[in-house]
Amino acid sequence: MSHHLIGSGTSRRDFLSQAGLGCGSLALTSLLHQEGVIAGPVSSEADGGSSNPLAARDSHFPAKAKSVIWLFQTGSPSQVDTFDYKPELQKRDGTTLAGADPKTGFFTTSGKCLKSPFKFSQHGESGAWTSEIFPNISKHVDDIAFVYSCYSQSNNHTPAMLEFNSGMIRQGFPSMGSWLSYGLGSENANLPAYVVMHGTKPRGADPIWSSGFLPSVFQATALDPRGGKPIDNLQPPGELSGEQQRSLLNVLNSANRKHAEERPFDQDLNARLESFELAYRMQTSAPEAFDLAQESAETQEKYGLNRAESKDYGKQCLIARRLVERGVRFVQIFASCPNTPGGAVSDVPWDAHNDINGNHRACASTVDQPTAALLEDLKQRGMLDDTIIIYGGEFGRTSDSQDVGGRDHNPHAFTTWFAGGGFKGGTQYGASDEFGYKSVENRVHAHDIHATVLHQMGIDHTRLTYRFNGRDFRLTDVAGEVLQDLLT
């Protein structure tokens, strides 16, 4: 009697062996996905169970915000020359700063107090103090929650920027934008979930906004909108009709899927496949989102597009509003402005080692008007309620002088502020000492900021995890407290 299955040419023994191997392979693949060794598809009710890893997903609890715009002030503004007014520092100019460590910064400081060259005044019903270099932001202090007590672990730009973005001072860990893309997906299938804009790339460059060990599909789309084409190769090929291009993409997709099925352990393949599809969809949606000609002349003027100093940063801020308006989850702008009046643009523009007066006036002239315009624009459109604005650098600057009129890096105290998305406007939280040298009251680390932003986006930071190399990782590592005093 034959043991072959009818018409198959396969014996029962071979069939059972192959079936066992197939089931074992499925079980192994599932187990490896759970362990984080390979990435599997993410499905949700929102997209009917689609395998699209960027499909919108439910939050852990009702969210106060649905998007984030992070205005990262690369190079680190001085807290005592911007928003953290210190009258005692003004009085003690040139005297010995008690407890000063000349090695606090990256170089060496004098140990002598350096007063701010800028006048401070109070604004709004909240009475928040701001420097004269921010005449436009000053008008919005009642919409802003100031945190004066931030600190970081590193006094070097790149590790500090990594820490503020990923919670770690080492490369290889996912940034907050990637974590949010992983946790919540995208509200717009035709645009990226996470967009980074820059002029001159900040020191440390791409690893700062890396997806780390998360699947590559959660990586930021980084672009420079200063030129006419912020995204390279976005225009569809002129020799192909839409149907022809779609047909070619379908053939490519079929071949790639077959290739991926034969390599279940390559977690980047699905990300590459999705990137092809997203690129195709972006060809119809992205040009419209970046077309600032659709904005009125009045709007463009408010954002500073008619001023040489602010036009590039203003363009980024206006694009950011248009992107979140269209469902982009996370937009991060790395400020690119001149180090000195009329000077060259640096990869760490606020880095005022030699001339705090000239440097900060130049940088503020770039970012003040567009930042204020973004706040006003979002508020007028009813978007500030569910959009979080973050403003600040990677650390602060010393209260004692470097050279004659500069300040060195200071990881012990700096100011970050928030607006919108359920943050309580007119709030002043935490404190540095009387010279602004060290944070002393309600000290705030990057983990606390990350936990708070995730909370406003409807995510419990202790539950947003990804298993990698046998360990569950999270953005806040094993720390992080939600700053409830900042929230409505």
Protein backbone atom coordinates (compact mmCIF):
# COMPACT_ATOMS: atom_id res chain seq x y z
CA MET A 1 0.00 0.00 0.00
CA SER A 2 1.35 3.41 -0.95
CA HIS A 3 2.04 5.93 1.83
CA HIS A 4 1.98 8.92 -0.54
CA LEU A 5 -0.82 11.46 -0.34
CA ILE A 6 -3.08 11.40 -3.40
CA GLY A 7 -1.63 13.57 -6.18
CA SER A 8 1.06 15.08 -3.96
CA GLY A 9 4.07 12.87 -4.46
CA THR A 10 4.74 13.27 -0.71
CA SER A 11 4.73 10.44 1.81
CA ARG A 12 2.86 10.69 5.08
CA ARG A 13 6.20 10.59 6.90
CA ASP A 14 7.52 13.54 4.81
CA PHE A 15 4.26 15.44 5.28
CA LEU A 16 4.31 15.07 9.07
CA SER A 17 7.98 16.00 9.19
CA GLN A 18 7.46 19.14 7.09
CA ALA A 19 4.33 20.10 9.01
CA GLY A 20 6.20 19.76 12.29
CA LEU A 21 9.03 21.90 11.02
CA GLY A 22 6.58 24.49 9.72
CA CYS A 23 4.71 24.74 13.03
CA GLY A 24 8.00 24.84 14.88
CA SER A 25 9.22 27.64 12.63
CA LEU A 26 6.04 29.65 13.30
CA ALA A 27 6.41 29.11 17.03
CA LEU A 28 10.09 30.08 16.92
CA THR A 29 9.32 33.21 14.90
CA SER A 30 6.60 34.21 17.39
CA LEU A 31 8.92 33.59 20.33
CA LEU A 32 11.76 35.57 18.76
CA HIS A 33 9.39 38.46 18.07
CA GLN A 34 8.29 38.45 21.72
CA GLU A 35 11.95 38.49 22.73
CA GLY A 36 12.58 41.48 20.47
CA VAL A 37 15.07 39.59 18.27
CA ILE A 38 12.88 40.20 15.21
CA ALA A 39 10.07 42.64 14.64
CA GLY A 40 6.61 41.45 13.80
CA PRO A 41 3.64 43.28 12.33
CA VAL A 42 1.64 45.56 14.56
CA SER A 43 -2.09 45.55 14.02
CA SER A 44 -4.82 47.69 15.49
CA GLU A 45 -8.55 48.26 15.39
CA ALA A 46 -7.87 51.63 13.82
CA ASP A 47 -6.65 50.08 10.59
CA GLY A 48 -8.76 46.91 10.69
CA GLY A 49 -5.88 44.69 11.76
CA SER A 50 -3.44 45.92 9.13
CA SER A 51 0.19 44.83 9.34
CA ASN A 52 1.31 48.42 8.77
CA PRO A 53 3.65 49.14 11.72
CA LEU A 54 2.79 52.84 11.51
CA ALA A 55 -0.97 52.36 11.75
CA ALA A 56 -2.59 54.50 14.45
CA ARG A 57 -2.95 52.67 17.76
CA ASP A 58 -4.88 53.29 20.95
CA SER A 59 -3.18 55.02 23.86
CA HIS A 60 -3.14 53.56 27.39
CA PHE A 61 -5.62 56.19 28.59
CA PRO A 62 -7.31 59.29 27.14
CA ALA A 63 -4.68 61.70 25.88
CA LYS A 64 -4.53 65.45 26.46
CA ALA A 65 -2.32 65.93 23.38
CA LYS A 66 -1.98 64.27 20.01
CA SER A 67 1.22 65.83 18.66
CA VAL A 68 4.53 67.37 19.76
CA ILE A 69 6.64 70.18 18.29
CA TRP A 70 10.06 70.29 19.92
CA LEU A 71 12.03 73.50 19.35
CA PHE A 72 15.50 72.27 20.26
CA GLN A 73 17.90 75.15 20.91
CA THR A 74 21.13 73.49 19.84
CA GLY A 75 24.25 74.50 21.71
CA SER A 76 22.43 75.45 24.91
CA PRO A 77 21.14 78.91 25.76
CA SER A 78 22.19 80.41 29.08
CA GLN A 79 19.41 80.13 31.64
CA VAL A 80 20.53 83.31 33.46
CA ASP A 81 20.44 85.33 30.22
CA THR A 82 17.06 84.13 28.93
CA PHE A 83 14.34 83.13 31.42
CA ASP A 84 15.90 82.54 34.86
CA TYR A 85 16.46 86.04 36.26
CA LYS A 86 19.08 86.27 39.03
CA PRO A 87 19.36 89.73 40.66
CA GLU A 88 22.11 88.47 42.97
CA LEU A 89 24.27 87.58 39.99
CA GLN A 90 23.87 91.15 38.73
CA LYS A 91 24.95 92.56 42.10
CA ARG A 92 27.98 90.29 42.49
CA ASP A 93 29.48 90.80 39.04
CA GLY A 94 33.22 90.14 39.15
CA THR A 95 33.23 88.71 42.68
CA THR A 96 34.06 85.13 43.61
CA LEU A 97 31.24 82.67 42.95
CA ALA A 98 30.98 80.50 46.08
CA GLY A 99 31.26 76.82 45.28
CA ALA A 100 32.28 77.39 41.68
CA ASP A 101 34.12 74.49 40.05
CA PRO A 102 36.31 75.66 37.14
CA LYS A 103 35.87 72.21 35.56
CA THR A 104 32.06 72.25 35.62
CA GLY A 105 32.08 73.07 31.95
CA PHE A 106 33.94 71.62 29.02
CA PHE A 107 36.88 74.00 29.37
CA THR A 108 37.86 76.12 32.39
CA THR A 109 36.05 79.05 33.99
CA SER A 110 37.26 81.97 36.11
CA GLY A 111 35.24 81.37 39.27
CA LYS A 112 34.11 85.02 39.05
CA CYS A 113 30.44 85.97 38.71
CA LEU A 114 29.42 87.26 35.29
CA LYS A 115 26.27 89.35 35.25
CA SER A 116 23.86 89.18 32.35
CA PRO A 117 24.30 91.92 29.76
CA PHE A 118 20.55 91.89 29.17
CA LYS A 119 17.72 93.67 30.94
CA PHE A 120 14.96 91.51 32.43
CA SER A 121 11.33 92.45 33.03
CA GLN A 122 8.15 90.72 34.16
CA HIS A 123 5.31 89.92 31.80
CA GLY A 124 1.73 88.73 31.80
CA GLU A 125 -0.53 87.99 34.73
CA SER A 126 1.93 85.31 35.85
CA GLY A 127 4.72 87.87 36.20
CA ALA A 128 7.29 85.62 34.53
CA TRP A 129 10.71 87.21 34.03
CA THR A 130 12.14 87.21 30.53
CA SER A 131 15.19 88.73 28.90
CA GLU A 132 14.95 91.70 26.56
CA ILE A 133 16.19 89.49 23.70
CA PHE A 134 12.76 87.80 23.60
CA PRO A 135 10.27 90.64 23.05
CA ASN A 136 7.86 88.37 21.18
CA ILE A 137 7.99 85.22 23.32
CA SER A 138 7.48 87.49 26.34
CA LYS A 139 3.94 88.21 25.15
CA HIS A 140 3.00 84.55 25.62
CA VAL A 141 4.31 83.77 29.11
CA ASP A 142 0.79 83.09 30.40
CA ASP A 143 0.60 80.17 27.97
CA ILE A 144 4.00 78.82 29.05
CA ALA A 145 5.06 76.48 31.86
CA PHE A 146 8.67 77.30 32.80
CA VAL A 147 10.87 74.65 34.45
CA TYR A 148 13.95 76.32 35.98
CA SER A 149 15.49 73.24 37.59
CA CYS A 150 16.58 70.95 34.76
CA TYR A 151 19.90 69.12 34.93
CA SER A 152 21.79 66.60 32.82
CA GLN A 153 24.63 64.12 33.28
CA SER A 154 27.05 65.33 30.61
CA ASN A 155 28.81 68.64 29.98
CA ASN A 156 29.50 67.74 26.35
CA HIS A 157 27.08 68.62 23.53
CA THR A 158 26.59 65.27 21.81
CA PRO A 159 26.10 63.07 24.91
CA ALA A 160 23.81 65.70 26.44
CA MET A 161 21.69 65.91 23.28
CA LEU A 162 21.51 62.13 23.17
CA GLU A 163 20.38 62.12 26.80
CA PHE A 164 17.69 64.72 26.27
CA ASN A 165 16.37 62.88 23.22
CA SER A 166 16.76 59.23 24.21
CA GLY A 167 17.31 59.32 27.98
CA MET A 168 20.83 57.92 27.55
CA ILE A 169 24.20 59.60 26.99
CA ARG A 170 25.30 56.77 24.66
CA GLN A 171 24.34 56.17 21.04
CA GLY A 172 22.09 53.29 20.02
CA PHE A 173 18.95 54.10 22.01
CA PRO A 174 15.66 55.25 20.46
CA SER A 175 14.71 58.92 20.60
CA MET A 176 11.41 60.10 22.06
CA GLY A 177 9.99 60.67 18.58
CA SER A 178 10.74 57.06 17.66
CA TRP A 179 9.22 55.78 20.90
CA LEU A 180 6.02 57.75 20.26
CA SER A 181 5.86 56.48 16.67
CA TYR A 182 6.28 52.92 17.98
CA GLY A 183 3.66 53.39 20.68
CA LEU A 184 0.99 55.37 18.83
CA GLY A 185 1.68 55.03 15.11
CA SER A 186 0.70 57.79 12.71
CA GLU A 187 -2.55 59.68 12.17
CA ASN A 188 -1.70 60.22 8.49
CA ALA A 189 -0.77 57.21 6.36
CA ASN A 190 0.66 59.48 3.68
CA LEU A 191 3.15 61.38 5.83
CA PRO A 192 5.86 60.25 8.27
CA ALA A 193 4.99 59.92 11.94
CA TYR A 194 8.24 61.57 13.00
CA VAL A 195 9.90 64.49 11.19
CA VAL A 196 13.16 66.24 12.07
CA MET A 197 14.07 69.60 10.51
CA HIS A 198 17.49 71.20 10.61
CA GLY A 199 19.71 73.60 8.72
CA THR A 200 23.28 72.86 9.65
CA LYS A 201 23.06 69.46 11.32
CA PRO A 202 23.57 69.61 15.10
CA ARG A 203 26.71 68.11 16.57
CA GLY A 204 26.13 64.37 16.86
CA ALA A 205 23.84 64.48 13.80
CA ASP A 206 21.64 61.50 12.89
CA PRO A 207 22.19 59.34 16.02
CA ILE A 208 20.45 62.07 18.05
CA TRP A 209 17.11 61.26 16.40
CA SER A 210 17.85 57.57 15.81
CA SER A 211 15.32 54.77 16.25
CA GLY A 212 18.08 52.79 17.99
CA PHE A 213 17.12 49.17 18.50
CA LEU A 214 13.50 49.80 17.51
CA PRO A 215 12.61 48.65 13.98
CA SER A 216 13.89 51.12 11.41
CA VAL A 217 10.37 52.04 10.30
CA PHE A 218 10.18 54.23 13.42
CA GLN A 219 13.21 56.28 12.35
CA ALA A 220 12.74 60.01 11.82
CA THR A 221 12.43 61.50 8.37
CA ALA A 222 15.11 64.21 8.54
CA LEU A 223 15.09 67.10 6.11
CA ASP A 224 16.50 70.54 5.46
CA PRO A 225 13.72 72.83 4.21
CA ARG A 226 15.99 75.80 3.46
CA GLY A 227 16.18 74.96 -0.24
CA GLY A 228 13.41 74.37 -2.74
CA LYS A 229 13.25 70.61 -2.17
CA PRO A 230 13.19 69.68 1.54
CA ILE A 231 12.86 65.97 0.68
CA ASP A 232 15.10 64.58 -2.06
CA ASN A 233 13.60 62.59 -4.95
CA LEU A 234 10.03 63.32 -3.86
CA GLN A 235 8.70 64.31 -7.27
CA PRO A 236 7.30 61.33 -9.24
CA PRO A 237 9.22 60.44 -12.41
CA GLY A 238 7.80 62.48 -15.29
CA GLU A 239 7.98 59.62 -17.79
CA LEU A 240 5.61 57.42 -15.75
CA SER A 241 1.89 57.77 -15.22
CA GLY A 242 0.46 57.13 -11.76
CA GLU A 243 -0.84 53.73 -12.84
CA GLN A 244 2.51 52.74 -14.36
CA GLN A 245 4.39 53.74 -11.22
CA ARG A 246 1.91 51.87 -9.04
CA SER A 247 2.29 48.78 -11.23
CA LEU A 248 6.09 48.90 -10.96
CA LEU A 249 5.86 49.33 -7.21
CA ASN A 250 3.52 46.32 -6.95
CA VAL A 251 6.04 44.14 -8.79
CA LEU A 252 8.84 45.40 -6.56
CA ASN A 253 6.72 44.84 -3.48
CA SER A 254 5.90 41.26 -4.49
CA ALA A 255 9.57 40.44 -5.06
CA ASN A 256 10.59 42.08 -1.81
CA ARG A 257 7.92 40.26 0.19
CA LYS A 258 9.14 36.93 -1.15
CA HIS A 259 12.69 37.93 -0.29
CA ALA A 260 11.60 38.91 3.24
CA GLU A 261 9.71 35.64 3.81
CA GLU A 262 12.93 33.75 3.16
CA ARG A 263 14.76 35.89 5.74
CA PRO A 264 12.53 36.06 8.83
CA PHE A 265 15.40 37.17 11.06
CA ASP A 266 16.14 40.41 9.17
CA GLN A 267 14.04 42.93 11.07
CA ASP A 268 14.90 45.81 8.73
CA LEU A 269 13.34 44.28 5.61
CA ASN A 270 9.74 45.11 6.54
CA ALA A 271 10.83 48.63 7.38
CA ARG A 272 12.36 48.99 3.92
CA LEU A 273 9.21 47.69 2.27
CA GLU A 274 7.06 50.12 4.20
CA SER A 275 9.46 52.96 3.31
CA PHE A 276 8.86 52.28 -0.41
CA GLU A 277 5.11 52.47 0.12
CA LEU A 278 5.34 55.58 2.29
CA ALA A 279 7.58 57.29 -0.26
CA TYR A 280 4.99 56.60 -2.97
CA ARG A 281 2.16 57.96 -0.83
CA MET A 282 4.23 61.01 0.15
CA GLN A 283 4.58 62.01 -3.50
CA THR A 284 0.96 63.16 -3.42
CA SER A 285 0.73 64.46 0.17
CA ALA A 286 4.12 65.89 1.13
CA PRO A 287 4.46 68.56 -1.61
CA GLU A 288 1.18 70.09 -0.47
CA ALA A 289 2.22 70.02 3.20
CA PHE A 290 5.47 71.85 2.41
CA ASP A 291 3.93 74.38 0.03
CA LEU A 292 4.11 77.62 2.02
CA ALA A 293 2.75 79.56 -0.94
CA GLN A 294 -0.66 78.42 0.31
CA GLU A 295 -0.16 80.56 3.40
CA SER A 296 -1.21 84.21 3.39
CA ALA A 297 1.35 87.00 3.14
CA GLU A 298 0.30 88.06 6.63
CA THR A 299 1.04 84.61 8.07
CA GLN A 300 4.41 84.43 6.35
CA GLU A 301 5.30 87.85 7.72
CA LYS A 302 4.28 86.85 11.26
CA TYR A 303 6.63 83.86 11.11
CA GLY A 304 9.49 86.13 10.06
CA LEU A 305 9.84 84.80 6.52
CA ASN A 306 10.49 88.34 5.29
CA ARG A 307 13.49 88.83 7.61
CA ALA A 308 16.90 87.44 6.69
CA GLU A 309 17.69 86.50 10.30
CA SER A 310 14.53 84.48 10.93
CA LYS A 311 13.31 83.24 7.55
CA ASP A 312 14.84 79.73 7.73
CA TYR A 313 13.76 79.02 11.30
CA GLY A 314 10.39 80.67 10.59
CA LYS A 315 9.90 78.40 7.60
CA GLN A 316 10.58 75.37 9.78
CA CYS A 317 8.08 76.54 12.41
CA LEU A 318 5.40 77.16 9.81
CA ILE A 319 6.01 73.77 8.20
CA ALA A 320 5.78 72.20 11.67
CA ARG A 321 2.33 73.69 12.15
CA ARG A 322 1.24 72.41 8.72
CA LEU A 323 2.58 68.92 9.49
CA VAL A 324 0.84 68.50 12.86
CA GLU A 325 -2.28 69.95 11.26
CA ARG A 326 -2.12 66.98 8.88
CA GLY A 327 -1.61 64.34 11.55
CA VAL A 328 2.17 64.10 11.91
CA ARG A 329 2.78 62.89 15.45
CA PHE A 330 6.18 64.38 16.31
CA VAL A 331 8.10 67.27 14.74
CA GLN A 332 11.52 68.31 16.00
CA ILE A 333 13.33 71.46 14.89
CA PHE A 334 17.04 71.86 15.62
CA ALA A 335 17.70 75.60 15.70
CA SER A 336 20.24 76.76 13.17
CA CYS A 337 21.31 80.37 13.62
CA PRO A 338 24.47 82.50 13.51
CA ASN A 339 26.93 82.28 16.41
CA THR A 340 27.58 86.03 16.21
CA PRO A 341 25.92 88.97 14.47
CA GLY A 342 26.49 88.42 10.76
CA GLY A 343 28.57 85.33 11.55
CA ALA A 344 28.61 81.82 10.14
CA VAL A 345 26.02 79.27 11.22
CA SER A 346 27.38 76.74 13.71
CA ASP A 347 26.36 73.17 14.54
CA VAL A 348 25.97 74.41 18.15
CA PRO A 349 24.74 77.99 17.60
CA TRP A 350 23.92 78.95 21.22
CA ASP A 351 27.40 77.88 22.36
CA ALA A 352 28.53 81.25 23.81
CA HIS A 353 32.02 80.53 25.14
CA ASN A 354 33.42 83.95 24.28
CA ASP A 355 30.68 86.53 23.85
CA ILE A 356 27.33 85.90 25.54
CA ASN A 357 26.06 89.32 24.45
CA GLY A 358 26.70 89.02 20.73
CA ASN A 359 25.94 85.31 20.52
CA HIS A 360 22.60 85.36 22.34
CA ARG A 361 21.37 88.49 20.60
CA ALA A 362 22.11 86.87 17.23
CA CYS A 363 20.45 83.57 18.10
CA ALA A 364 17.43 85.21 19.69
CA SER A 365 16.89 87.37 16.61
CA THR A 366 16.55 84.10 14.69
CA VAL A 367 14.13 82.21 16.94
CA ASP A 368 12.09 84.78 18.91
CA GLN A 369 9.60 85.95 16.27
CA PRO A 370 8.91 82.52 14.67
CA THR A 371 8.49 80.83 18.08
CA ALA A 372 5.98 83.44 19.20
CA ALA A 373 4.18 83.22 15.84
CA LEU A 374 3.88 79.45 16.22
CA LEU A 375 2.33 79.82 19.68
CA GLU A 376 -0.10 82.46 18.46
CA ASP A 377 -0.99 80.59 15.28
CA LEU A 378 -1.69 77.31 17.07
CA LYS A 379 -3.79 79.10 19.68
CA GLN A 380 -5.87 80.97 17.10
CA ARG A 381 -6.54 77.72 15.23
CA GLY A 382 -7.54 75.87 18.41
CA MET A 383 -4.55 73.54 17.97
CA LEU A 384 -2.54 74.58 21.02
CA ASP A 385 -4.91 72.60 23.25
CA ASP A 386 -3.68 69.29 21.82
CA THR A 387 -0.19 70.20 20.59
CA ILE A 388 2.75 70.21 23.03
CA ILE A 389 5.49 72.78 22.39
CA ILE A 390 8.88 72.09 24.02
CA TYR A 391 11.62 74.73 24.03
CA GLY A 392 15.15 74.39 25.41
CA GLY A 393 18.71 73.17 24.92
CA GLU A 394 20.79 70.20 26.10
CA PHE A 395 22.19 71.90 29.22
CA GLY A 396 22.76 75.39 30.64
CA ARG A 397 25.71 77.71 30.97
CA THR A 398 27.93 78.69 33.88
CA SER A 399 27.22 81.69 36.12
CA ASP A 400 30.94 82.46 36.23
CA SER A 401 32.82 83.70 33.21
CA GLN A 402 34.88 81.99 30.58
CA ASP A 403 37.38 84.27 28.87
CA VAL A 404 36.06 87.82 29.29
CA GLY A 405 32.37 87.75 28.47
CA GLY A 406 31.48 84.12 27.72
CA ARG A 407 30.03 81.18 29.64
CA ASP A 408 31.03 77.52 29.58
CA HIS A 409 28.72 74.49 29.55
CA ASN A 410 26.75 73.83 32.75
CA PRO A 411 24.88 70.53 33.18
CA HIS A 412 23.75 71.44 36.72
CA ALA A 413 21.05 73.99 35.90
CA PHE A 414 19.04 75.07 32.88
CA THR A 415 15.54 76.09 31.84
CA THR A 416 13.10 74.25 29.61
CA TRP A 417 9.60 75.47 28.89
CA PHE A 418 6.40 73.89 27.63
CA ALA A 419 3.17 75.19 26.15
CA GLY A 420 -0.10 73.62 25.05
CA GLY A 421 -1.14 69.98 25.20
CA GLY A 422 -2.50 70.20 28.75
CA PHE A 423 0.50 72.01 30.24
CA LYS A 424 -0.55 74.72 32.70
CA GLY A 425 0.22 78.14 31.27
CA GLY A 426 1.68 80.74 33.62
CA THR A 427 3.44 78.06 35.69
CA GLN A 428 6.91 78.55 37.19
CA TYR A 429 8.30 75.25 38.48
CA GLY A 430 11.52 74.37 40.30
CA ALA A 431 14.40 76.70 41.05
CA SER A 432 18.12 77.12 40.66
CA ASP A 433 20.24 78.74 43.37
CA GLU A 434 20.52 82.53 43.71
CA PHE A 435 23.24 82.62 41.03
CA GLY A 436 21.55 80.17 38.64
CA TYR A 437 24.52 77.83 38.99
CA LYS A 438 22.83 74.67 40.28
CA SER A 439 19.28 73.33 40.39
CA VAL A 440 18.18 73.13 44.00
CA GLU A 441 14.39 72.79 44.11
CA ASN A 442 12.27 70.12 42.34
CA ARG A 443 15.17 69.03 40.14
CA VAL A 444 14.06 67.73 36.74
CA HIS A 445 15.90 65.18 34.59
CA ALA A 446 15.25 64.21 30.96
CA HIS A 447 13.49 61.05 32.22
CA ASP A 448 10.94 63.24 34.05
CA ILE A 449 10.34 65.33 30.95
CA HIS A 450 9.91 62.21 28.82
CA ALA A 451 7.53 60.64 31.34
CA THR A 452 5.45 63.82 31.41
CA VAL A 453 5.24 64.24 27.64
CA LEU A 454 4.31 60.56 27.19
CA HIS A 455 1.64 60.97 29.88
CA GLN A 456 0.07 63.87 28.01
CA MET A 457 0.07 61.72 24.87
CA GLY A 458 -1.88 59.06 26.74
CA ILE A 459 1.03 56.70 27.45
CA ASP A 460 2.12 55.23 30.77
CA HIS A 461 5.91 55.47 30.43
CA THR A 462 6.41 52.32 32.53
CA ARG A 463 4.33 50.28 30.06
CA LEU A 464 5.88 51.49 26.81
CA THR A 465 8.57 48.84 26.47
CA TYR A 466 10.49 46.98 23.79
CA ARG A 467 12.37 43.74 24.37
CA PHE A 468 15.91 43.81 23.02
CA ASN A 469 18.75 41.40 23.82
CA GLY A 470 16.67 39.71 26.50
CA ARG A 471 15.72 42.87 28.38
CA ASP A 472 12.67 45.14 28.35
CA PHE A 473 13.79 48.68 27.56
CA ARG A 474 11.83 51.89 27.89
CA LEU A 475 12.46 55.55 27.13
CA THR A 476 12.67 56.43 30.83
CA ASP A 477 14.89 53.44 31.72
CA VAL A 478 14.09 52.69 35.41
CA ALA A 479 13.33 56.30 36.40
CA GLY A 480 11.05 59.16 35.44
CA GLU A 481 8.27 60.94 37.33
CA VAL A 482 5.29 62.66 35.72
CA LEU A 483 5.47 66.36 36.65
CA GLN A 484 1.86 66.70 37.72
CA ASP A 485 2.32 70.29 38.96
CA LEU A 486 2.82 71.38 35.35
CA LEU A 487 -0.42 69.84 34.12
CA THR A 488 -4.00 71.03 34.06
